[in-house]
C-alpha atoms as a PDB file:
ATOM      1  CA  MET A   1     -19.761 -14.747  10.695  1.00  0.00           C
ATOM      2  CA  ALA A   2     -20.639 -11.324  12.030  1.00  0.00           C
ATOM      3  CA  GLN A   3     -23.920  -9.713  10.985  1.00  0.00           C
ATOM      4  CA  ILE A   4     -22.994  -6.082  10.378  1.00  0.00           C
ATOM      5  CA  ASP A   5     -26.015  -5.035   8.287  1.00  0.00           C
ATOM      6  CA  ASN A   6     -29.165  -6.448   6.740  1.00  0.00           C
ATOM      7  CA  LEU A   7     -27.644  -7.081   3.337  1.00  0.00           C
ATOM      8  CA  PRO A   8     -27.344 -10.673   2.058  1.00  0.00           C
ATOM      9  CA  PRO A   9     -24.287 -12.766   3.002  1.00  0.00           C
ATOM     10  CA  LEU A  10     -21.380 -12.250   0.646  1.00  0.00           C
ATOM     11  CA  ARG A  11     -21.530 -15.780  -0.722  1.00  0.00           C
ATOM     12  CA  GLU A  12     -25.113 -15.111  -1.850  1.00  0.00           C
ATOM     13  CA  VAL A  13     -24.049 -11.813  -3.424  1.00  0.00           C
ATOM     14  CA  ILE A  14     -21.271 -13.525  -5.350  1.00  0.00           C
ATOM     15  CA  ALA A  15     -23.588 -16.304  -6.532  1.00  0.00           C
ATOM     16  CA  SER A  16     -26.463 -14.017  -7.538  1.00  0.00           C
ATOM     17  CA  HIS A  17     -24.202 -11.676  -9.532  1.00  0.00           C
ATOM     18  CA  GLY A  18     -21.916 -14.353 -10.993  1.00  0.00           C
ATOM     19  CA  LEU A  19     -18.821 -12.857  -9.440  1.00  0.00           C
ATOM     20  CA  ASP A  20     -16.239 -15.572  -9.829  1.00  0.00           C
ATOM     21  CA  ALA A  21     -12.844 -14.126  -8.841  1.00  0.00           C
ATOM     22  CA  ARG A  22     -10.584 -13.570 -11.831  1.00  0.00           C
ATOM     23  CA  LYS A  23      -6.868 -14.144 -11.647  1.00  0.00           C
ATOM     24  CA  SER A  24      -6.262 -11.609 -14.417  1.00  0.00           C
ATOM     25  CA  LEU A  25      -7.602  -8.894 -12.089  1.00  0.00           C
ATOM     26  CA  GLY A  26      -5.683 -10.144  -9.050  1.00  0.00           C
ATOM     27  CA  GLN A  27      -8.971 -10.941  -7.292  1.00  0.00           C
ATOM     28  CA  ASN A  28      -9.290 -12.936  -4.085  1.00  0.00           C
ATOM     29  CA  PHE A  29     -12.504 -12.067  -2.290  1.00  0.00           C
ATOM     30  CA  LEU A  30     -12.471 -11.820   1.517  1.00  0.00           C
ATOM     31  CA  LEU A  31     -15.850 -13.102   2.719  1.00  0.00           C
ATOM     32  CA  ASP A  32     -15.426 -13.215   6.504  1.00  0.00           C
ATOM     33  CA  LEU A  33     -17.134 -10.082   7.836  1.00  0.00           C
ATOM     34  CA  ASN A  34     -15.390 -10.540  11.180  1.00  0.00           C
ATOM     35  CA  LEU A  35     -12.101  -9.989   9.354  1.00  0.00           C
ATOM     36  CA  THR A  36     -13.304  -7.140   7.164  1.00  0.00           C
ATOM     37  CA  SER A  37     -14.629  -5.425  10.298  1.00  0.00           C
ATOM     38  CA  ARG A  38     -11.257  -5.896  11.973  1.00  0.00           C
ATOM     39  CA  ILE A  39      -9.533  -4.242   9.015  1.00  0.00           C
ATOM     40  CA  ALA A  40     -11.988  -1.345   9.144  1.00  0.00           C
ATOM     41  CA  ARG A  41     -11.346  -0.830  12.869  1.00  0.00           C
ATOM     42  CA  SER A  42      -7.599  -0.894  12.239  1.00  0.00           C
ATOM     43  CA  ALA A  43      -7.910   2.179  10.028  1.00  0.00           C
ATOM     44  CA  GLY A  44      -8.854   4.335  13.032  1.00  0.00           C
ATOM     45  CA  ASP A  45     -11.779   6.699  13.544  1.00  0.00           C
ATOM     46  CA  LEU A  46     -13.614   6.979  10.229  1.00  0.00           C
ATOM     47  CA  THR A  47     -16.564   9.110  11.281  1.00  0.00           C
ATOM     48  CA  ASN A  48     -15.205  12.331   9.805  1.00  0.00           C
ATOM     49  CA  CYS A  49     -13.247  10.765   6.972  1.00  0.00           C
ATOM     50  CA  THR A  50     -13.722   9.897   3.354  1.00  0.00           C
ATOM     51  CA  VAL A  51     -12.323   6.417   2.852  1.00  0.00           C
ATOM     52  CA  ILE A  52     -10.889   5.511  -0.542  1.00  0.00           C
ATOM     53  CA  GLU A  53     -11.053   1.796  -1.275  1.00  0.00           C
ATOM     54  CA  ILE A  54      -9.362   0.087  -4.216  1.00  0.00           C
ATOM     55  CA  GLY A  55     -10.867  -3.036  -5.749  1.00  0.00           C
ATOM     56  CA  PRO A  56     -13.921  -3.553  -3.509  1.00  0.00           C
ATOM     57  CA  GLY A  57     -15.151  -6.567  -5.486  1.00  0.00           C
ATOM     58  CA  PRO A  58     -18.471  -7.751  -4.024  1.00  0.00           C
ATOM     59  CA  GLY A  59     -18.114  -5.211  -1.207  1.00  0.00           C
ATOM     60  CA  GLY A  60     -17.167  -7.112   1.937  1.00  0.00           C
ATOM     61  CA  LEU A  61     -14.685  -4.525   3.180  1.00  0.00           C
ATOM     62  CA  THR A  62     -16.882  -1.739   1.796  1.00  0.00           C
ATOM     63  CA  ARG A  63     -19.755  -2.832   4.029  1.00  0.00           C
ATOM     64  CA  ALA A  64     -17.448  -3.043   7.034  1.00  0.00           C
ATOM     65  CA  LEU A  65     -16.143   0.489   6.451  1.00  0.00           C
ATOM     66  CA  LEU A  66     -19.658   1.898   6.196  1.00  0.00           C
ATOM     67  CA  ALA A  67     -20.849  -0.071   9.210  1.00  0.00           C
ATOM     68  CA  ALA A  68     -17.853   1.308  11.137  1.00  0.00           C
ATOM     69  CA  GLY A  69     -19.225   4.803  10.568  1.00  0.00           C
ATOM     70  CA  ALA A  70     -17.225   6.113   7.630  1.00  0.00           C
ATOM     71  CA  LYS A  71     -18.622   9.472   6.543  1.00  0.00           C
ATOM     72  CA  ARG A  72     -18.243   8.381   2.916  1.00  0.00           C
ATOM     73  CA  VAL A  73     -16.546   5.628   0.939  1.00  0.00           C
ATOM     74  CA  VAL A  74     -15.225   6.201  -2.567  1.00  0.00           C
ATOM     75  CA  ALA A  75     -14.530   2.825  -4.168  1.00  0.00           C
ATOM     76  CA  ILE A  76     -12.560   2.379  -7.381  1.00  0.00           C
ATOM     77  CA  GLU A  77     -13.533  -0.814  -9.190  1.00  0.00           C
ATOM     78  CA  LYS A  78     -12.226  -2.021 -12.549  1.00  0.00           C
ATOM     79  CA  ASP A  79     -14.518  -5.038 -12.855  1.00  0.00           C
ATOM     80  CA  GLN A  80     -17.891  -4.025 -14.322  1.00  0.00           C
ATOM     81  CA  ARG A  81     -19.499  -7.223 -13.009  1.00  0.00           C
ATOM     82  CA  CYS A  82     -19.162  -5.904  -9.435  1.00  0.00           C
ATOM     83  CA  LEU A  83     -21.028  -2.643 -10.029  1.00  0.00           C
ATOM     84  CA  PRO A  84     -24.581  -3.955  -9.444  1.00  0.00           C
ATOM     85  CA  ALA A  85     -23.572  -5.513  -6.104  1.00  0.00           C
ATOM     86  CA  LEU A  86     -21.908  -2.262  -5.044  1.00  0.00           C
ATOM     87  CA  ALA A  87     -24.997  -0.303  -6.115  1.00  0.00           C
ATOM     88  CA  GLU A  88     -27.054  -2.383  -3.679  1.00  0.00           C
ATOM     89  CA  ILE A  89     -24.662  -1.414  -0.874  1.00  0.00           C
ATOM     90  CA  SER A  90     -24.906   2.246  -1.834  1.00  0.00           C
ATOM     91  CA  GLY A  91     -28.680   2.075  -1.674  1.00  0.00           C
ATOM     92  CA  HIS A  92     -28.636   0.387   1.719  1.00  0.00           C
ATOM     93  CA  TYR A  93     -26.275   3.014   3.156  1.00  0.00           C
ATOM     94  CA  ASP A  94     -28.179   6.053   1.847  1.00  0.00           C
ATOM     95  CA  GLY A  95     -25.712   6.887  -0.908  1.00  0.00           C
ATOM     96  CA  LYS A  96     -22.654   7.076   1.336  1.00  0.00           C
ATOM     97  CA  LEU A  97     -20.883   4.827  -1.151  1.00  0.00           C
ATOM     98  CA  HIS A  98     -19.677   6.396  -4.403  1.00  0.00           C
ATOM     99  CA  VAL A  99     -18.309   3.928  -6.934  1.00  0.00           C
ATOM    100  CA  ILE A 100     -15.912   4.918  -9.707  1.00  0.00           C
ATOM    101  CA  GLU A 101     -15.451   2.434 -12.524  1.00  0.00           C
ATOM    102  CA  GLY A 102     -11.851   2.459 -13.673  1.00  0.00           C
ATOM    103  CA  ASP A 103      -8.237   1.505 -13.172  1.00  0.00           C
ATOM    104  CA  ALA A 104      -6.836   2.781  -9.861  1.00  0.00           C
ATOM    105  CA  LEU A 105      -3.421   3.224 -11.488  1.00  0.00           C
ATOM    106  CA  GLN A 106      -4.955   5.775 -13.859  1.00  0.00           C
ATOM    107  CA  ILE A 107      -6.968   7.729 -11.266  1.00  0.00           C
ATOM    108  CA  ASN A 108      -5.575  10.444  -9.012  1.00  0.00           C
ATOM    109  CA  PRO A 109      -7.148   9.739  -5.593  1.00  0.00           C
ATOM    110  CA  GLN A 110      -6.286  13.233  -4.409  1.00  0.00           C
ATOM    111  CA  GLU A 111      -8.931  14.600  -6.770  1.00  0.00           C
ATOM    112  CA  LEU A 112     -11.693  12.368  -5.397  1.00  0.00           C
ATOM    113  CA  ALA A 113     -12.248  14.206  -2.121  1.00  0.00           C
ATOM    114  CA  PRO A 114     -10.483  17.582  -2.198  1.00  0.00           C
ATOM    115  CA  GLY A 115     -10.261  19.307   1.154  1.00  0.00           C
ATOM    116  CA  GLU A 116     -11.494  16.260   3.076  1.00  0.00           C
ATOM    117  CA  ASP A 117      -9.722  14.020   5.555  1.00  0.00           C
ATOM    118  CA  ILE A 118      -8.843  10.890   3.581  1.00  0.00           C
ATOM    119  CA  ARG A 119      -7.878   7.417   4.707  1.00  0.00           C
ATOM    120  CA  ILE A 120      -7.081   4.737   2.152  1.00  0.00           C
ATOM    121  CA  VAL A 121      -8.182   1.228   3.110  1.00  0.00           C
ATOM    122  CA  ALA A 122      -7.957  -1.679   0.702  1.00  0.00           C
ATOM    123  CA  ASN A 123      -7.461  -5.357   0.080  1.00  0.00           C
ATOM    124  CA  LEU A 124      -5.201  -4.468  -2.816  1.00  0.00           C
ATOM    125  CA  PRO A 125      -5.158  -6.596  -5.959  1.00  0.00           C
ATOM    126  CA  TYR A 126      -1.889  -8.526  -5.824  1.00  0.00           C
ATOM    127  CA  ASN A 127      -0.821  -7.476  -9.309  1.00  0.00           C
ATOM    128  CA  VAL A 128      -0.870  -3.701  -8.691  1.00  0.00           C
ATOM    129  CA  GLY A 129      -0.593  -3.299  -4.923  1.00  0.00           C
ATOM    130  CA  THR A 130       3.078  -2.369  -4.684  1.00  0.00           C
ATOM    131  CA  GLN A 131       2.878   0.224  -7.455  1.00  0.00           C
ATOM    132  CA  LEU A 132      -0.169   1.857  -5.874  1.00  0.00           C
ATOM    133  CA  LEU A 133       1.630   2.111  -2.543  1.00  0.00           C
ATOM    134  CA  LEU A 134       4.680   3.728  -4.143  1.00  0.00           C
ATOM    135  CA  ASN A 135       2.428   6.170  -5.992  1.00  0.00           C
ATOM    136  CA  TRP A 136       0.828   7.277  -2.707  1.00  0.00           C
ATOM    137  CA  VAL A 137       4.161   7.589  -0.922  1.00  0.00           C
ATOM    138  CA  ALA A 138       5.727   9.493  -3.824  1.00  0.00           C
ATOM    139  CA  THR A 139       3.058  12.193  -3.984  1.00  0.00           C
ATOM    140  CA  PRO A 140       4.753  15.595  -4.520  1.00  0.00           C
ATOM    141  CA  GLN A 141       2.837  17.270  -1.692  1.00  0.00           C
ATOM    142  CA  TRP A 142       3.958  16.383   1.850  1.00  0.00           C
ATOM    143  CA  PRO A 143       2.348  15.859   4.283  1.00  0.00           C
ATOM    144  CA  PRO A 144       0.279  13.882   1.792  1.00  0.00           C
ATOM    145  CA  PHE A 145      -3.411  14.089   0.981  1.00  0.00           C
ATOM    146  CA  TRP A 146      -4.047  10.966   3.097  1.00  0.00           C
ATOM    147  CA  LEU A 147      -4.015  10.551   6.879  1.00  0.00           C
ATOM    148  CA  SER A 148      -3.208   6.839   6.813  1.00  0.00           C
ATOM    149  CA  LEU A 149      -2.987   3.765   4.618  1.00  0.00           C
ATOM    150  CA  THR A 150      -4.427   0.461   5.871  1.00  0.00           C
ATOM    151  CA  LEU A 151      -3.593  -2.101   3.224  1.00  0.00           C
ATOM    152  CA  MET A 152      -3.485  -5.831   2.667  1.00  0.00           C
ATOM    153  CA  PHE A 153      -0.561  -7.417   0.843  1.00  0.00           C
ATOM    154  CA  GLN A 154       0.964 -10.825   0.417  1.00  0.00           C
ATOM    155  CA  LYS A 155       2.877 -11.485   3.621  1.00  0.00           C
ATOM    156  CA  GLU A 156       6.202 -11.488   1.787  1.00  0.00           C
ATOM    157  CA  VAL A 157       5.522  -7.986   0.428  1.00  0.00           C
ATOM    158  CA  ALA A 158       4.324  -6.732   3.826  1.00  0.00           C
ATOM    159  CA  GLU A 159       7.573  -7.968   5.376  1.00  0.00           C
ATOM    160  CA  ARG A 160       9.582  -6.097   2.753  1.00  0.00           C
ATOM    161  CA  ILE A 161       7.660  -2.883   3.371  1.00  0.00           C
ATOM    162  CA  THR A 162       8.127  -2.977   7.154  1.00  0.00           C
ATOM    163  CA  ALA A 163      11.618  -4.544   7.337  1.00  0.00           C
ATOM    164  CA  LYS A 164      14.469  -2.942   9.279  1.00  0.00           C
ATOM    165  CA  PRO A 165      18.165  -2.805   8.287  1.00  0.00           C
ATOM    166  CA  GLY A 166      19.920  -6.126   8.749  1.00  0.00           C
ATOM    167  CA  SER A 167      16.799  -8.154   8.061  1.00  0.00           C
ATOM    168  CA  LYS A 168      16.730 -10.546   5.121  1.00  0.00           C
ATOM    169  CA  HIS A 169      13.534  -8.781   4.002  1.00  0.00           C
ATOM    170  CA  TYR A 170      15.077  -5.304   4.068  1.00  0.00           C
ATOM    171  CA  GLY A 171      15.398  -3.870   0.592  1.00  0.00           C
ATOM    172  CA  ARG A 172      14.484  -1.158  -1.857  1.00  0.00           C
ATOM    173  CA  LEU A 173      10.791  -1.171  -0.917  1.00  0.00           C
ATOM    174  CA  SER A 174      11.682  -0.834   2.780  1.00  0.00           C
ATOM    175  CA  VAL A 175      13.751   2.281   2.072  1.00  0.00           C
ATOM    176  CA  LEU A 176      11.284   3.952  -0.294  1.00  0.00           C
ATOM    177  CA  THR A 177       8.392   3.554   2.144  1.00  0.00           C
ATOM    178  CA  GLY A 178      10.457   4.120   5.289  1.00  0.00           C
ATOM    179  CA  TRP A 179      11.742   7.399   3.871  1.00  0.00           C
ATOM    180  CA  ARG A 180       8.359   9.051   4.284  1.00  0.00           C
ATOM    181  CA  THR A 181       6.213   6.779   6.454  1.00  0.00           C
ATOM    182  CA  HIS A 182       6.030   4.710   9.601  1.00  0.00           C
ATOM    183  CA  ALA A 183       4.831   1.222   8.643  1.00  0.00           C
ATOM    184  CA  ASP A 184       3.642  -1.540  10.987  1.00  0.00           C
ATOM    185  CA  GLN A 185       2.365  -5.058  10.411  1.00  0.00           C
ATOM    186  CA  LEU A 186      -0.987  -5.584  12.131  1.00  0.00           C
ATOM    187  CA  PHE A 187      -2.162  -9.160  11.565  1.00  0.00           C
ATOM    188  CA  ASP A 188      -2.107 -12.076   9.128  1.00  0.00           C
ATOM    189  CA  LEU A 189      -5.018 -13.632   7.260  1.00  0.00           C
ATOM    190  CA  ASN A 190      -5.157 -17.315   6.469  1.00  0.00           C
ATOM    191  CA  PRO A 191      -5.621 -18.182   2.789  1.00  0.00           C
ATOM    192  CA  LYS A 192      -8.796 -20.077   3.724  1.00  0.00           C
ATOM    193  CA  ALA A 193     -10.490 -16.762   4.514  1.00  0.00           C
ATOM    194  CA  PHE A 194     -10.550 -15.925   0.793  1.00  0.00           C
ATOM    195  CA  THR A 195     -12.432 -17.138  -2.251  1.00  0.00           C
ATOM    196  CA  PRO A 196     -10.560 -18.569  -4.045  1.00  0.00           C
ATOM    197  CA  PRO A 197      -7.860 -19.228  -1.427  1.00  0.00           C
ATOM    198  CA  PRO A 198      -4.529 -17.726  -2.558  1.00  0.00           C
ATOM    199  CA  LYS A 199      -1.388 -19.793  -2.252  1.00  0.00           C
ATOM    200  CA  VAL A 200       0.113 -17.353   0.256  1.00  0.00           C
ATOM    201  CA  THR A 201      -0.740 -15.781   3.604  1.00  0.00           C
ATOM    202  CA  SER A 202      -1.883 -12.163   3.512  1.00  0.00           C
ATOM    203  CA  THR A 203      -0.926  -9.431   5.979  1.00  0.00           C
ATOM    204  CA  VAL A 204      -2.599  -6.146   6.879  1.00  0.00           C
ATOM    205  CA  ILE A 205      -0.257  -3.207   7.423  1.00  0.00           C
ATOM    206  CA  HIS A 206      -0.849   0.359   8.587  1.00  0.00           C
ATOM    207  CA  LEU A 207       1.206   3.317   7.383  1.00  0.00           C
ATOM    208  CA  THR A 208       1.211   6.876   8.669  1.00  0.00           C
ATOM    209  CA  PRO A 209       3.139   9.790   7.145  1.00  0.00           C
ATOM    210  CA  ARG A 210       6.273  11.122   8.791  1.00  0.00           C
ATOM    211  CA  PRO A 211       5.551  14.804   9.513  1.00  0.00           C
ATOM    212  CA  GLU A 212       9.016  15.902   8.378  1.00  0.00           C
ATOM    213  CA  PRO A 213      10.731  13.231   6.273  1.00  0.00           C
ATOM    214  CA  PHE A 214      14.341  13.622   5.226  1.00  0.00           C
ATOM    215  CA  GLU A 215      14.842  15.975   2.284  1.00  0.00           C
ATOM    216  CA  CYS A 216      15.620  13.851  -0.731  1.00  0.00           C
ATOM    217  CA  ASP A 217      15.033  13.600  -4.469  1.00  0.00           C
ATOM    218  CA  LEU A 218      12.789  10.604  -5.082  1.00  0.00           C
ATOM    219  CA  LYS A 219      14.200   9.725  -8.506  1.00  0.00           C
ATOM    220  CA  GLN A 220      17.725   9.770  -7.144  1.00  0.00           C
ATOM    221  CA  LEU A 221      16.724   7.579  -4.199  1.00  0.00           C
ATOM    222  CA  GLU A 222      14.977   5.140  -6.541  1.00  0.00           C
ATOM    223  CA  LYS A 223      18.024   4.929  -8.815  1.00  0.00           C
ATOM    224  CA  LEU A 224      20.421   4.477  -5.917  1.00  0.00           C
ATOM    225  CA  THR A 225      18.415   1.790  -4.115  1.00  0.00           C
ATOM    226  CA  ALA A 226      17.839  -0.081  -7.377  1.00  0.00           C
ATOM    227  CA  ALA A 227      21.596  -0.263  -7.912  1.00  0.00           C
ATOM    228  CA  ALA A 228      22.475  -1.069  -4.306  1.00  0.00           C
ATOM    229  CA  PHE A 229      19.883  -3.793  -3.758  1.00  0.00           C
ATOM    230  CA  GLY A 230      20.125  -5.079  -7.322  1.00  0.00           C
ATOM    231  CA  GLN A 231      23.505  -6.475  -6.240  1.00  0.00           C
ATOM    232  CA  ARG A 232      22.849  -6.746  -2.530  1.00  0.00           C
ATOM    233  CA  ARG A 233      25.606  -9.293  -1.926  1.00  0.00           C
ATOM    234  CA  LYS A 234      28.207  -6.825  -3.156  1.00  0.00           C
ATOM    235  CA  MET A 235      29.802  -3.983  -1.202  1.00  0.00           C
ATOM    236  CA  LEU A 236      28.540  -0.485  -1.963  1.00  0.00           C
ATOM    237  CA  ARG A 237      31.781   0.455  -3.722  1.00  0.00           C
ATOM    238  CA  ALA A 238      31.046  -2.300  -6.254  1.00  0.00           C
ATOM    239  CA  SER A 239      27.260  -2.057  -6.556  1.00  0.00           C
ATOM    240  CA  LEU A 240      27.304   1.735  -7.009  1.00  0.00           C
ATOM    241  CA  LYS A 241      30.317   2.066  -9.279  1.00  0.00           C
ATOM    242  CA  GLY A 242      28.045   2.258 -12.303  1.00  0.00           C
ATOM    243  CA  LEU A 243      26.441   5.451 -10.960  1.00  0.00           C
ATOM    244  CA  ALA A 244      29.611   7.425 -10.291  1.00  0.00           C
ATOM    245  CA  LYS A 245      33.306   7.104 -11.016  1.00  0.00           C
ATOM    246  CA  PRO A 246      34.796   6.958  -8.534  1.00  0.00           C
ATOM    247  CA  ALA A 247      31.913   6.025  -6.180  1.00  0.00           C
ATOM    248  CA  GLU A 248      34.049   5.373  -3.098  1.00  0.00           C
ATOM    249  CA  PRO A 249      34.690   9.046  -2.130  1.00  0.00           C
ATOM    250  CA  LEU A 250      30.982   9.829  -2.414  1.00  0.00           C
ATOM    251  CA  ILE A 251      30.080   6.895  -0.187  1.00  0.00           C
ATOM    252  CA  GLU A 252      32.567   8.093   2.401  1.00  0.00           C
ATOM    253  CA  ALA A 253      31.233  11.661   2.116  1.00  0.00           C
ATOM    254  CA  ALA A 254      27.831  10.295   3.143  1.00  0.00           C
ATOM    255  CA  GLY A 255      29.423   8.894   6.296  1.00  0.00           C
ATOM    256  CA  LEU A 256      29.213   5.299   5.106  1.00  0.00           C
ATOM    257  CA  ALA A 257      31.794   2.574   4.695  1.00  0.00           C
ATOM    258  CA  PRO A 258      32.440   1.639   1.041  1.00  0.00           C
ATOM    259  CA  THR A 259      32.737  -1.968   2.210  1.00  0.00           C
ATOM    260  CA  ALA A 260      29.215  -1.963   3.670  1.00  0.00           C
ATOM    261  CA  ARG A 261      26.404  -3.819   1.917  1.00  0.00           C
ATOM    262  CA  ALA A 262      23.003  -2.358   1.101  1.00  0.00           C
ATOM    263  CA  GLU A 263      21.150  -4.325   3.764  1.00  0.00           C
ATOM    264  CA  GLU A 264      23.314  -2.691   6.459  1.00  0.00           C
ATOM    265  CA  ILE A 265      22.395   0.908   5.532  1.00  0.00           C
ATOM    266  CA  ASP A 266      19.418   2.527   7.235  1.00  0.00           C
ATOM    267  CA  VAL A 267      16.991   4.901   5.532  1.00  0.00           C
ATOM    268  CA  ALA A 268      18.834   8.019   6.734  1.00  0.00           C
ATOM    269  CA  GLY A 269      22.060   6.618   5.289  1.00  0.00           C
ATOM    270  CA  PHE A 270      20.478   6.028   1.891  1.00  0.00           C
ATOM    271  CA  VAL A 271      19.028   9.546   1.903  1.00  0.00           C
ATOM    272  CA  ARG A 272      22.470  11.041   2.632  1.00  0.00           C
ATOM    273  CA  LEU A 273      23.958   8.900  -0.098  1.00  0.00           C
ATOM    274  CA  ALA A 274      21.283   9.951  -2.623  1.00  0.00           C
ATOM    275  CA  ASN A 275      21.825  13.612  -1.787  1.00  0.00           C
ATOM    276  CA  ILE A 276      25.614  13.349  -2.136  1.00  0.00           C
ATOM    277  CA  PHE A 277      25.330  11.548  -5.473  1.00  0.00           C
ATOM    278  CA  LYS A 278      22.891  14.159  -6.781  1.00  0.00           C
ATOM    279  CA  GLN A 279      25.120  17.042  -5.674  1.00  0.00           C
ATOM    280  CA  ASN A 280      27.971  15.478  -7.618  1.00  0.00           C
ATOM    281  CA  GLY A 281      25.943  14.906 -10.767  1.00  0.00           C
ATOM    282  CA  ALA A 282      25.864  11.142 -10.395  1.00  0.00           C
END
């Protein structure tokens, strides 16, 4: 295991603070500092950035981010048991770590470092990861307050986020993230790298904002993709008939075939469709 600082090994930190991972909090601690350092490097140059981390736990990734030269790390942690361990990291790194106790779903990250260059890097808790991502992509201001997102998900979720049309993984999440971002899978992590080992492989992905995404109403796009992929085996004329009567002329007005299925429509096609439906009060 890499030695990135003079702090105790993570297993000792977990033992000394009684930090058994809790399923109710979606916790799986990544202890391999080689891997946490790789994630930190994947986020890009951190020297002039404030990094926002969600769910740092005992601080493995936190230490890697600080060792990689992050100007500052703001970590949001819901589990009070982890705060003493994180305080030790803050002391070691001259206060460059600021810890906020709370639920990341209830905290606006944009308010944590106003006017600063922000990168979000996190081993996201499995139970809230997808919602957090959608919150960051759906921010009203665009370009967003963040420069990039470097996030760990279950491999299945990462495949859905990065999938292209025609893929079996392509779906609503692919469209909602692809609308505003470029998303790439970076590397997988074996379950054995975690304590406790999850039952699935994890994947790190990197997202950057599209400078000029297609103009579209988010709520309309959400409603449309929910209907289309909710019945993905059906043709659009059938899956969307509940949103507009008749739906077929609107589908054709968007330049799409009513007989096409959702998995065949690219992001631009869904945006056109959402805009046409909105214009017609659907």
